[in-house]
């Protein structure tokens, strides 16, 4: 299921964007949930609970409580799998948005026409990120580690220790096997 959040100060824009996204996803038979927020604090609260992974955030840049680009940077740092679509009526930000990683920059009047491109780019990015993961056999289980989370791999006799940002995974897979799985050319 695709979980989407929409953040906009304006009720009218929030409802209109939600309707356009809902119609596109339903028409294309994509299972989804849409969450609507009027303040950055509400969105941050949902993301921080980690109960529901948000895949795409459609967000206004001009927000009352916080700058949308700063919020996008925060999301990039804390939830890198969450992809951002800047959805605004302000075209003057088209250069500033590059300060944060984002999927798309769309003016609100173009949302309907651009939804297909947004979703194509989302699936493309998602597939790229999945290719950048390492499937590791450890203690009879198969674990997934993102290449971007791997700090280094060290050998200790027959064991390989894969040191990641938040954990260490130990496996009997050889260093050579791990390098083949990583396929660093991708």
N, C-alpha and C. Protein backbone atom coordinates (compact mmCIF):
# COMPACT_ATOMS: atom_id res chain seq x y z
N UNK A 1 0.84 -1.18 0.00
CA UNK A 1 0.00 0.00 0.00
C UNK A 1 0.89 1.25 0.00
N UNK A 2 0.52 2.19 -0.81
CA UNK A 2 1.25 3.45 -0.93
C UNK A 2 0.65 4.46 0.04
N UNK A 3 1.47 4.98 0.93
CA UNK A 3 1.03 5.98 1.91
C UNK A 3 1.51 7.36 1.49
N UNK A 4 0.56 8.26 1.32
CA UNK A 4 0.86 9.60 0.84
C UNK A 4 0.37 10.63 1.86
N UNK A 5 1.20 11.62 2.10
CA UNK A 5 0.81 12.76 2.94
C UNK A 5 0.77 14.01 2.08
N UNK A 6 -0.20 14.85 2.37
CA UNK A 6 -0.30 16.14 1.69
C UNK A 6 -0.27 17.20 2.78
N UNK A 7 0.62 18.18 2.61
CA UNK A 7 0.76 19.26 3.58
C UNK A 7 0.52 20.58 2.87
N UNK A 8 -0.50 21.29 3.32
CA UNK A 8 -0.83 22.59 2.74
C UNK A 8 -1.60 23.41 3.76
N UNK A 9 -1.28 24.70 3.87
CA UNK A 9 -1.99 25.60 4.79
C UNK A 9 -3.44 25.84 4.38
N UNK A 10 -3.70 25.78 3.10
CA UNK A 10 -5.01 26.13 2.57
C UNK A 10 -5.92 24.90 2.49
N UNK A 11 -7.08 24.98 3.13
CA UNK A 11 -8.05 23.88 3.08
C UNK A 11 -8.47 23.58 1.64
N UNK A 12 -8.71 24.62 0.86
CA UNK A 12 -9.17 24.44 -0.52
C UNK A 12 -8.12 23.70 -1.35
N UNK A 13 -6.85 24.10 -1.23
CA UNK A 13 -5.77 23.44 -1.98
C UNK A 13 -5.55 22.01 -1.46
N UNK A 14 -5.67 21.84 -0.17
CA UNK A 14 -5.51 20.52 0.44
C UNK A 14 -6.55 19.55 -0.11
N UNK A 15 -7.80 19.99 -0.15
CA UNK A 15 -8.89 19.14 -0.65
C UNK A 15 -8.74 18.89 -2.15
N UNK A 16 -8.40 19.91 -2.91
CA UNK A 16 -8.25 19.76 -4.36
C UNK A 16 -7.10 18.81 -4.70
N UNK A 17 -5.97 18.99 -4.05
CA UNK A 17 -4.81 18.11 -4.29
C UNK A 17 -5.15 16.67 -3.93
N UNK A 18 -5.80 16.50 -2.79
CA UNK A 18 -6.18 15.17 -2.35
C UNK A 18 -7.10 14.49 -3.36
N UNK A 19 -8.05 15.23 -3.89
CA UNK A 19 -8.99 14.69 -4.87
C UNK A 19 -8.27 14.26 -6.15
N UNK A 20 -7.36 15.08 -6.65
CA UNK A 20 -6.62 14.76 -7.87
C UNK A 20 -5.76 13.52 -7.68
N UNK A 21 -5.05 13.46 -6.56
CA UNK A 21 -4.18 12.31 -6.27
C UNK A 21 -5.02 11.05 -6.09
N UNK A 22 -6.11 11.17 -5.35
CA UNK A 22 -7.03 10.04 -5.12
C UNK A 22 -7.56 9.50 -6.45
N UNK A 23 -8.01 10.37 -7.32
CA UNK A 23 -8.56 9.94 -8.61
C UNK A 23 -7.49 9.24 -9.45
N UNK A 24 -6.29 9.78 -9.48
CA UNK A 24 -5.22 9.16 -10.26
C UNK A 24 -4.89 7.77 -9.74
N UNK A 25 -4.70 7.64 -8.43
CA UNK A 25 -4.32 6.35 -7.84
C UNK A 25 -5.43 5.31 -7.99
N UNK A 26 -6.66 5.72 -7.81
CA UNK A 26 -7.79 4.81 -7.96
C UNK A 26 -7.91 4.35 -9.40
N UNK A 27 -7.81 5.29 -10.34
CA UNK A 27 -7.90 4.96 -11.77
C UNK A 27 -6.82 3.96 -12.17
N UNK A 28 -5.64 4.08 -11.58
CA UNK A 28 -4.52 3.20 -11.91
C UNK A 28 -4.41 1.99 -10.98
N UNK A 29 -5.45 1.79 -10.18
CA UNK A 29 -5.55 0.62 -9.29
C UNK A 29 -4.33 0.47 -8.36
N UNK A 30 -3.92 1.58 -7.78
CA UNK A 30 -2.82 1.58 -6.82
C UNK A 30 -3.42 1.71 -5.43
N UNK A 31 -3.25 0.67 -4.62
CA UNK A 31 -3.76 0.70 -3.24
C UNK A 31 -3.05 1.83 -2.50
N UNK A 32 -3.80 2.62 -1.76
CA UNK A 32 -3.20 3.80 -1.14
C UNK A 32 -3.99 4.28 0.08
N UNK A 33 -3.33 5.09 0.85
CA UNK A 33 -3.93 5.88 1.92
C UNK A 33 -3.40 7.29 1.75
N UNK A 34 -4.27 8.27 1.97
CA UNK A 34 -3.85 9.66 1.88
C UNK A 34 -4.11 10.33 3.23
N UNK A 35 -3.09 11.00 3.73
CA UNK A 35 -3.19 11.72 5.00
C UNK A 35 -3.03 13.21 4.69
N UNK A 36 -3.90 14.02 5.27
CA UNK A 36 -3.87 15.47 5.01
C UNK A 36 -3.45 16.22 6.27
N UNK A 37 -2.56 17.20 6.07
CA UNK A 37 -2.09 18.00 7.20
C UNK A 37 -2.04 19.47 6.82
N UNK A 38 -2.36 20.32 7.80
CA UNK A 38 -2.31 21.76 7.59
C UNK A 38 -1.06 22.39 8.19
N UNK A 39 -0.38 21.65 9.08
CA UNK A 39 0.82 22.21 9.71
C UNK A 39 1.98 21.22 9.63
N UNK A 40 3.20 21.74 9.56
CA UNK A 40 4.37 20.85 9.58
C UNK A 40 4.44 19.99 10.84
N UNK A 41 4.01 20.54 11.96
CA UNK A 41 4.03 19.79 13.22
C UNK A 41 3.20 18.51 13.15
N UNK A 42 2.06 18.58 12.49
CA UNK A 42 1.21 17.39 12.35
C UNK A 42 1.92 16.31 11.53
N UNK A 43 2.57 16.72 10.44
CA UNK A 43 3.29 15.78 9.60
C UNK A 43 4.49 15.19 10.35
N UNK A 44 5.25 16.03 11.03
CA UNK A 44 6.40 15.56 11.80
C UNK A 44 5.96 14.55 12.85
N UNK A 45 4.83 14.82 13.48
CA UNK A 45 4.30 13.91 14.49
C UNK A 45 4.00 12.54 13.90
N UNK A 46 3.38 12.50 12.73
CA UNK A 46 3.07 11.22 12.08
C UNK A 46 4.35 10.49 11.72
N UNK A 47 5.29 11.18 11.11
CA UNK A 47 6.55 10.55 10.71
C UNK A 47 7.32 10.03 11.93
N UNK A 48 7.31 10.79 13.01
CA UNK A 48 8.06 10.43 14.20
C UNK A 48 7.50 9.20 14.91
N UNK A 49 6.23 8.93 14.73
CA UNK A 49 5.63 7.76 15.38
C UNK A 49 6.09 6.46 14.74
N UNK A 50 6.56 6.51 13.50
CA UNK A 50 7.07 5.34 12.77
C UNK A 50 6.06 4.21 12.64
N UNK A 51 4.81 4.46 12.91
CA UNK A 51 3.79 3.42 12.79
C UNK A 51 3.41 3.22 11.32
N UNK A 52 3.35 4.30 10.57
CA UNK A 52 2.95 4.25 9.18
C UNK A 52 4.07 4.84 8.33
N UNK A 53 4.69 4.03 7.48
CA UNK A 53 5.74 4.61 6.62
C UNK A 53 5.11 5.48 5.54
N UNK A 54 5.56 6.69 5.45
CA UNK A 54 5.05 7.59 4.41
C UNK A 54 6.00 7.50 3.23
N UNK A 55 5.45 7.20 2.05
CA UNK A 55 6.27 7.01 0.87
C UNK A 55 6.48 8.31 0.09
N UNK A 56 5.42 9.11 0.00
CA UNK A 56 5.51 10.38 -0.73
C UNK A 56 4.83 11.48 0.08
N UNK A 57 5.49 12.63 0.16
CA UNK A 57 4.88 13.82 0.77
C UNK A 57 4.74 14.87 -0.32
N UNK A 58 3.50 15.29 -0.57
CA UNK A 58 3.24 16.43 -1.45
C UNK A 58 3.14 17.62 -0.52
N UNK A 59 4.01 18.62 -0.69
CA UNK A 59 4.01 19.70 0.27
C UNK A 59 4.18 21.08 -0.35
N UNK A 60 3.46 22.01 0.24
CA UNK A 60 3.60 23.42 -0.10
C UNK A 60 4.94 23.89 0.43
N UNK A 61 5.55 24.83 -0.22
CA UNK A 61 6.82 25.39 0.23
C UNK A 61 6.56 26.51 1.25
N UNK A 62 5.56 27.33 0.98
CA UNK A 62 5.25 28.45 1.85
C UNK A 62 4.29 27.97 2.94
N UNK A 63 4.85 27.77 4.14
CA UNK A 63 4.07 27.29 5.28
C UNK A 63 4.13 28.32 6.39
N UNK A 64 3.13 28.32 7.24
CA UNK A 64 3.09 29.33 8.32
C UNK A 64 4.12 29.08 9.40
N UNK A 65 4.26 27.82 9.85
CA UNK A 65 5.12 27.52 11.00
C UNK A 65 6.58 27.27 10.65
N UNK A 66 6.82 26.88 9.40
CA UNK A 66 8.16 26.44 9.03
C UNK A 66 8.32 26.57 7.52
N UNK A 67 9.52 26.84 7.09
CA UNK A 67 9.82 26.89 5.66
C UNK A 67 9.75 25.47 5.10
N UNK A 68 9.04 25.27 4.00
CA UNK A 68 8.88 23.95 3.41
C UNK A 68 10.18 23.31 2.96
N UNK A 69 11.13 24.11 2.52
CA UNK A 69 12.42 23.57 2.09
C UNK A 69 13.19 23.06 3.30
N UNK A 70 13.12 23.77 4.42
CA UNK A 70 13.77 23.31 5.65
C UNK A 70 13.12 22.02 6.15
N UNK A 71 11.80 21.93 6.05
CA UNK A 71 11.08 20.71 6.44
C UNK A 71 11.53 19.56 5.53
N UNK A 72 11.66 19.81 4.25
CA UNK A 72 12.10 18.77 3.32
C UNK A 72 13.50 18.28 3.68
N UNK A 73 14.40 19.18 4.06
CA UNK A 73 15.75 18.78 4.48
C UNK A 73 15.68 17.89 5.72
N UNK A 74 14.79 18.24 6.65
CA UNK A 74 14.61 17.44 7.87
C UNK A 74 14.12 16.04 7.50
N UNK A 75 13.16 15.97 6.58
CA UNK A 75 12.64 14.67 6.14
C UNK A 75 13.76 13.88 5.45
N UNK A 76 14.55 14.54 4.59
CA UNK A 76 15.67 13.87 3.91
C UNK A 76 16.63 13.24 4.91
N UNK A 77 16.94 13.97 5.97
CA UNK A 77 17.89 13.47 6.98
C UNK A 77 17.31 12.33 7.80
N UNK A 78 16.06 12.48 8.22
CA UNK A 78 15.48 11.54 9.18
C UNK A 78 14.69 10.40 8.54
N UNK A 79 14.18 10.61 7.35
CA UNK A 79 13.37 9.59 6.66
C UNK A 79 13.75 9.56 5.18
N UNK A 80 14.97 9.11 4.87
CA UNK A 80 15.47 9.20 3.50
C UNK A 80 14.65 8.41 2.47
N UNK A 81 13.88 7.43 2.90
CA UNK A 81 13.06 6.66 1.95
C UNK A 81 11.81 7.44 1.54
N UNK A 82 11.45 8.44 2.31
CA UNK A 82 10.27 9.25 2.01
C UNK A 82 10.63 10.24 0.91
N UNK A 83 9.85 10.23 -0.16
CA UNK A 83 10.14 11.10 -1.30
C UNK A 83 9.23 12.33 -1.28
N UNK A 84 9.78 13.44 -1.69
CA UNK A 84 9.09 14.73 -1.56
C UNK A 84 8.73 15.30 -2.92
N UNK A 85 7.50 15.78 -3.00
CA UNK A 85 7.04 16.51 -4.18
C UNK A 85 6.66 17.90 -3.69
N UNK A 86 7.35 18.91 -4.18
CA UNK A 86 6.97 20.27 -3.85
C UNK A 86 5.79 20.64 -4.73
N UNK A 87 4.71 21.02 -4.09
CA UNK A 87 3.47 21.37 -4.77
C UNK A 87 3.09 22.78 -4.31
N UNK A 88 3.30 23.74 -5.17
CA UNK A 88 3.16 25.13 -4.74
C UNK A 88 2.57 25.98 -5.85
N UNK A 89 2.11 27.15 -5.47
CA UNK A 89 1.67 28.12 -6.48
C UNK A 89 2.75 29.17 -6.71
N UNK A 90 3.81 29.08 -5.89
CA UNK A 90 4.92 30.04 -5.95
C UNK A 90 6.03 29.52 -6.86
N UNK A 91 6.17 30.07 -8.03
CA UNK A 91 7.22 29.62 -8.95
C UNK A 91 8.59 30.23 -8.62
N UNK A 92 8.62 31.20 -7.74
CA UNK A 92 9.89 31.86 -7.42
C UNK A 92 10.85 30.94 -6.65
N UNK A 93 10.38 29.77 -6.21
CA UNK A 93 11.22 28.85 -5.45
C UNK A 93 11.89 27.78 -6.30
N UNK A 94 11.74 27.85 -7.62
CA UNK A 94 12.20 26.76 -8.46
C UNK A 94 13.70 26.50 -8.36
N UNK A 95 14.49 27.44 -7.92
CA UNK A 95 15.93 27.20 -7.72
C UNK A 95 16.19 26.76 -6.27
N UNK A 96 15.52 27.38 -5.31
CA UNK A 96 15.74 27.06 -3.90
C UNK A 96 15.41 25.62 -3.54
N UNK A 97 14.47 25.00 -4.26
CA UNK A 97 14.08 23.63 -3.92
C UNK A 97 15.23 22.65 -4.06
N UNK A 98 16.25 22.99 -4.81
CA UNK A 98 17.38 22.09 -5.00
C UNK A 98 18.29 22.01 -3.77
N UNK A 99 17.97 22.78 -2.73
CA UNK A 99 18.68 22.65 -1.46
C UNK A 99 18.28 21.37 -0.75
N UNK A 100 17.15 20.78 -1.12
CA UNK A 100 16.65 19.54 -0.52
C UNK A 100 16.41 18.52 -1.62
N UNK A 101 16.65 17.25 -1.30
CA UNK A 101 16.34 16.20 -2.27
C UNK A 101 14.84 16.12 -2.44
N UNK A 102 14.42 16.05 -3.68
CA UNK A 102 12.99 15.95 -3.94
C UNK A 102 12.75 15.22 -5.25
N UNK A 103 11.55 14.73 -5.37
CA UNK A 103 11.17 13.95 -6.54
C UNK A 103 10.73 14.85 -7.69
N UNK A 104 9.97 15.89 -7.35
CA UNK A 104 9.35 16.74 -8.37
C UNK A 104 9.03 18.11 -7.79
N UNK A 105 8.97 19.11 -8.66
CA UNK A 105 8.50 20.44 -8.31
C UNK A 105 7.35 20.74 -9.27
N UNK A 106 6.17 20.95 -8.72
CA UNK A 106 4.97 21.14 -9.55
C UNK A 106 4.20 22.36 -9.05
N UNK A 107 3.69 23.14 -9.97
CA UNK A 107 2.76 24.19 -9.57
C UNK A 107 1.38 23.52 -9.39
N UNK A 108 0.61 24.07 -8.49
CA UNK A 108 -0.67 23.44 -8.13
C UNK A 108 -1.60 23.26 -9.33
N UNK A 109 -1.53 24.16 -10.28
CA UNK A 109 -2.42 24.03 -11.45
C UNK A 109 -1.94 22.95 -12.42
N UNK A 110 -0.75 22.37 -12.21
CA UNK A 110 -0.23 21.32 -13.09
C UNK A 110 -0.33 19.92 -12.48
N UNK A 111 -0.84 19.80 -11.27
CA UNK A 111 -0.82 18.51 -10.57
C UNK A 111 -1.46 17.39 -11.39
N UNK A 112 -2.63 17.65 -11.93
CA UNK A 112 -3.34 16.60 -12.66
C UNK A 112 -2.52 16.11 -13.86
N UNK A 113 -1.91 17.03 -14.59
CA UNK A 113 -1.13 16.68 -15.77
C UNK A 113 0.19 16.00 -15.40
N UNK A 114 0.73 16.28 -14.23
CA UNK A 114 2.05 15.78 -13.84
C UNK A 114 2.01 14.51 -12.99
N UNK A 115 0.84 14.07 -12.55
CA UNK A 115 0.76 12.91 -11.65
C UNK A 115 1.40 11.67 -12.26
N UNK A 116 1.20 11.46 -13.52
CA UNK A 116 1.78 10.28 -14.18
C UNK A 116 3.31 10.32 -14.10
N UNK A 117 3.90 11.47 -14.37
CA UNK A 117 5.34 11.64 -14.28
C UNK A 117 5.86 11.48 -12.86
N UNK A 118 5.10 12.00 -11.91
CA UNK A 118 5.49 11.87 -10.49
C UNK A 118 5.55 10.39 -10.11
N UNK A 119 4.52 9.64 -10.48
CA UNK A 119 4.48 8.24 -10.08
C UNK A 119 5.53 7.41 -10.82
N UNK A 120 5.78 7.71 -12.08
CA UNK A 120 6.84 7.00 -12.81
C UNK A 120 8.18 7.23 -12.14
N UNK A 121 8.45 8.47 -11.77
CA UNK A 121 9.72 8.79 -11.12
C UNK A 121 9.78 8.15 -9.73
N UNK A 122 8.66 8.11 -9.01
CA UNK A 122 8.63 7.46 -7.69
C UNK A 122 9.02 5.99 -7.81
N UNK A 123 8.38 5.26 -8.75
CA UNK A 123 8.65 3.83 -8.90
C UNK A 123 10.10 3.60 -9.35
N UNK A 124 10.58 4.46 -10.22
CA UNK A 124 11.97 4.36 -10.68
C UNK A 124 12.93 4.52 -9.51
N UNK A 125 12.73 5.53 -8.68
CA UNK A 125 13.59 5.76 -7.51
C UNK A 125 13.48 4.62 -6.51
N UNK A 126 12.27 4.13 -6.31
CA UNK A 126 12.06 3.04 -5.36
C UNK A 126 12.82 1.80 -5.83
N UNK A 127 12.74 1.50 -7.11
CA UNK A 127 13.44 0.33 -7.64
C UNK A 127 14.96 0.50 -7.54
N UNK A 128 15.47 1.70 -7.78
CA UNK A 128 16.91 1.96 -7.65
C UNK A 128 17.35 1.72 -6.21
N UNK A 129 16.56 2.22 -5.26
CA UNK A 129 16.92 2.06 -3.84
C UNK A 129 16.89 0.61 -3.41
N UNK A 130 15.96 -0.18 -3.95
CA UNK A 130 15.91 -1.60 -3.61
C UNK A 130 17.12 -2.33 -4.14
N UNK A 131 17.61 -1.91 -5.32
CA UNK A 131 18.80 -2.54 -5.88
C UNK A 131 20.02 -2.26 -5.02
N UNK A 132 19.99 -1.23 -4.24
CA UNK A 132 21.13 -0.84 -3.43
C UNK A 132 21.08 -1.46 -2.04
N UNK A 133 20.46 -2.63 -1.92
CA UNK A 133 20.38 -3.32 -0.65
C UNK A 133 21.12 -4.64 -0.74
N UNK A 134 21.58 -5.10 0.39
CA UNK A 134 22.35 -6.32 0.48
C UNK A 134 21.55 -7.34 1.30
N UNK A 135 21.27 -8.50 0.72
CA UNK A 135 20.56 -9.57 1.42
C UNK A 135 21.62 -10.44 2.09
N UNK A 136 21.56 -10.51 3.42
CA UNK A 136 22.58 -11.19 4.20
C UNK A 136 21.95 -12.33 4.99
N UNK A 137 22.61 -13.49 4.95
CA UNK A 137 22.17 -14.62 5.75
C UNK A 137 22.92 -14.57 7.07
N UNK A 138 22.15 -14.51 8.17
CA UNK A 138 22.75 -14.42 9.49
C UNK A 138 21.89 -15.17 10.50
N UNK A 139 22.49 -16.14 11.16
CA UNK A 139 21.81 -16.92 12.20
C UNK A 139 20.50 -17.52 11.68
N UNK A 140 20.53 -18.06 10.48
CA UNK A 140 19.35 -18.71 9.92
C UNK A 140 18.29 -17.75 9.39
N UNK A 141 18.55 -16.47 9.43
CA UNK A 141 17.60 -15.47 8.94
C UNK A 141 18.21 -14.74 7.76
N UNK A 142 17.33 -14.17 6.95
CA UNK A 142 17.79 -13.32 5.85
C UNK A 142 17.49 -11.88 6.24
N UNK A 143 18.53 -11.07 6.28
CA UNK A 143 18.40 -9.67 6.67
C UNK A 143 18.75 -8.78 5.49
N UNK A 144 18.14 -7.61 5.46
CA UNK A 144 18.37 -6.65 4.39
C UNK A 144 19.10 -5.45 4.97
N UNK A 145 20.21 -5.07 4.36
CA UNK A 145 20.95 -3.88 4.78
C UNK A 145 21.12 -2.97 3.56
N UNK A 146 20.79 -1.71 3.71
CA UNK A 146 20.98 -0.75 2.62
C UNK A 146 22.47 -0.49 2.45
N UNK A 147 22.90 -0.43 1.20
CA UNK A 147 24.31 -0.15 0.94
C UNK A 147 24.72 1.18 1.56
N UNK A 148 23.82 2.14 1.55
CA UNK A 148 24.15 3.46 2.09
C UNK A 148 24.32 3.43 3.61
N UNK A 149 23.79 2.38 4.27
CA UNK A 149 23.94 2.26 5.73
C UNK A 149 25.20 1.50 6.13
N UNK A 150 25.81 0.79 5.18
CA UNK A 150 27.00 -0.01 5.48
C UNK A 150 28.22 0.90 5.59
N UNK A 151 28.86 0.84 6.76
CA UNK A 151 30.05 1.65 6.99
C UNK A 151 31.31 0.91 6.52
N UNK A 152 31.42 -0.37 6.91
CA UNK A 152 32.54 -1.19 6.48
C UNK A 152 32.25 -2.65 6.78
N UNK A 153 33.06 -3.53 6.17
CA UNK A 153 32.94 -4.96 6.40
C UNK A 153 34.30 -5.44 6.88
N UNK A 154 34.31 -6.22 7.95
CA UNK A 154 35.57 -6.75 8.45
C UNK A 154 35.48 -8.27 8.63
N UNK A 155 36.61 -8.93 8.50
CA UNK A 155 36.69 -10.38 8.65
C UNK A 155 37.26 -10.72 10.02
N UNK A 156 36.71 -11.78 10.62
CA UNK A 156 37.26 -12.35 11.84
C UNK A 156 37.18 -13.86 11.69
N UNK A 157 38.26 -14.46 11.34
CA UNK A 157 38.33 -15.88 11.01
C UNK A 157 37.32 -16.18 9.91
N UNK A 158 36.32 -17.03 10.19
CA UNK A 158 35.34 -17.40 9.15
C UNK A 158 34.14 -16.45 9.13
N UNK A 159 34.09 -15.51 10.03
CA UNK A 159 32.95 -14.59 10.13
C UNK A 159 33.22 -13.29 9.39
N UNK A 160 32.16 -12.74 8.84
CA UNK A 160 32.20 -11.39 8.27
C UNK A 160 31.30 -10.52 9.13
N UNK A 161 31.81 -9.39 9.57
CA UNK A 161 31.01 -8.44 10.36
C UNK A 161 30.71 -7.24 9.46
N UNK A 162 29.44 -7.01 9.25
CA UNK A 162 29.01 -5.89 8.42
C UNK A 162 28.57 -4.79 9.36
N UNK A 163 29.38 -3.77 9.48
CA UNK A 163 29.08 -2.66 10.38
C UNK A 163 28.23 -1.64 9.64
N UNK A 164 27.02 -1.45 10.17
CA UNK A 164 26.08 -0.48 9.59
C UNK A 164 25.94 0.70 10.55
N UNK A 165 25.23 1.71 10.13
CA UNK A 165 25.06 2.91 10.95
C UNK A 165 24.45 2.58 12.30
N UNK A 166 23.47 1.67 12.32
CA UNK A 166 22.75 1.41 13.58
C UNK A 166 22.89 0.00 14.10
N UNK A 167 23.59 -0.88 13.38
CA UNK A 167 23.69 -2.26 13.84
C UNK A 167 24.92 -2.92 13.23
N UNK A 168 25.23 -4.09 13.74
CA UNK A 168 26.29 -4.92 13.18
C UNK A 168 25.66 -6.27 12.84
N UNK A 169 25.87 -6.72 11.62
CA UNK A 169 25.33 -8.00 11.19
C UNK A 169 26.51 -8.95 11.00
N UNK A 170 26.43 -10.12 11.62
CA UNK A 170 27.49 -11.11 11.52
C UNK A 170 27.00 -12.27 10.66
N UNK A 171 27.84 -12.71 9.74
CA UNK A 171 27.46 -13.77 8.81
C UNK A 171 28.66 -14.67 8.51
N UNK A 172 28.37 -15.88 8.06
CA UNK A 172 29.42 -16.79 7.60
C UNK A 172 29.68 -16.62 6.11
N UNK A 173 28.95 -15.73 5.45
CA UNK A 173 29.20 -15.48 4.03
C UNK A 173 30.62 -14.91 3.90
N UNK A 174 31.32 -15.35 2.87
CA UNK A 174 32.70 -14.89 2.69
C UNK A 174 32.70 -13.44 2.21
N UNK A 175 33.85 -12.82 2.36
CA UNK A 175 34.02 -11.45 1.91
C UNK A 175 33.78 -11.36 0.40
N UNK A 176 34.26 -12.35 -0.34
CA UNK A 176 34.08 -12.38 -1.79
C UNK A 176 32.60 -12.50 -2.15
N UNK A 177 31.85 -13.34 -1.42
CA UNK A 177 30.41 -13.47 -1.68
C UNK A 177 29.69 -12.15 -1.44
N UNK A 178 30.07 -11.48 -0.38
CA UNK A 178 29.44 -10.20 -0.05
C UNK A 178 29.74 -9.15 -1.13
N UNK A 179 30.95 -9.13 -1.62
CA UNK A 179 31.30 -8.18 -2.68
C UNK A 179 30.52 -8.47 -3.96
N UNK A 180 30.31 -9.75 -4.27
CA UNK A 180 29.50 -10.10 -5.44
C UNK A 180 28.05 -9.63 -5.27
N UNK A 181 27.52 -9.84 -4.06
CA UNK A 181 26.14 -9.42 -3.80
C UNK A 181 26.02 -7.91 -3.88
N UNK A 182 27.02 -7.20 -3.34
CA UNK A 182 26.99 -5.73 -3.38
C UNK A 182 27.00 -5.19 -4.78
N UNK A 183 27.72 -5.85 -5.68
CA UNK A 183 27.83 -5.41 -7.07
C UNK A 183 28.00 -3.89 -7.13
N UNK A 184 29.14 -3.43 -6.76
CA UNK A 184 29.41 -2.01 -6.60
C UNK A 184 29.28 -1.19 -7.89
N UNK A 185 29.07 -1.83 -9.01
CA UNK A 185 28.87 -1.10 -10.27
C UNK A 185 27.51 -0.46 -10.36
N UNK A 186 26.56 -0.89 -9.55
CA UNK A 186 25.17 -0.37 -9.64
C UNK A 186 25.07 0.99 -9.04
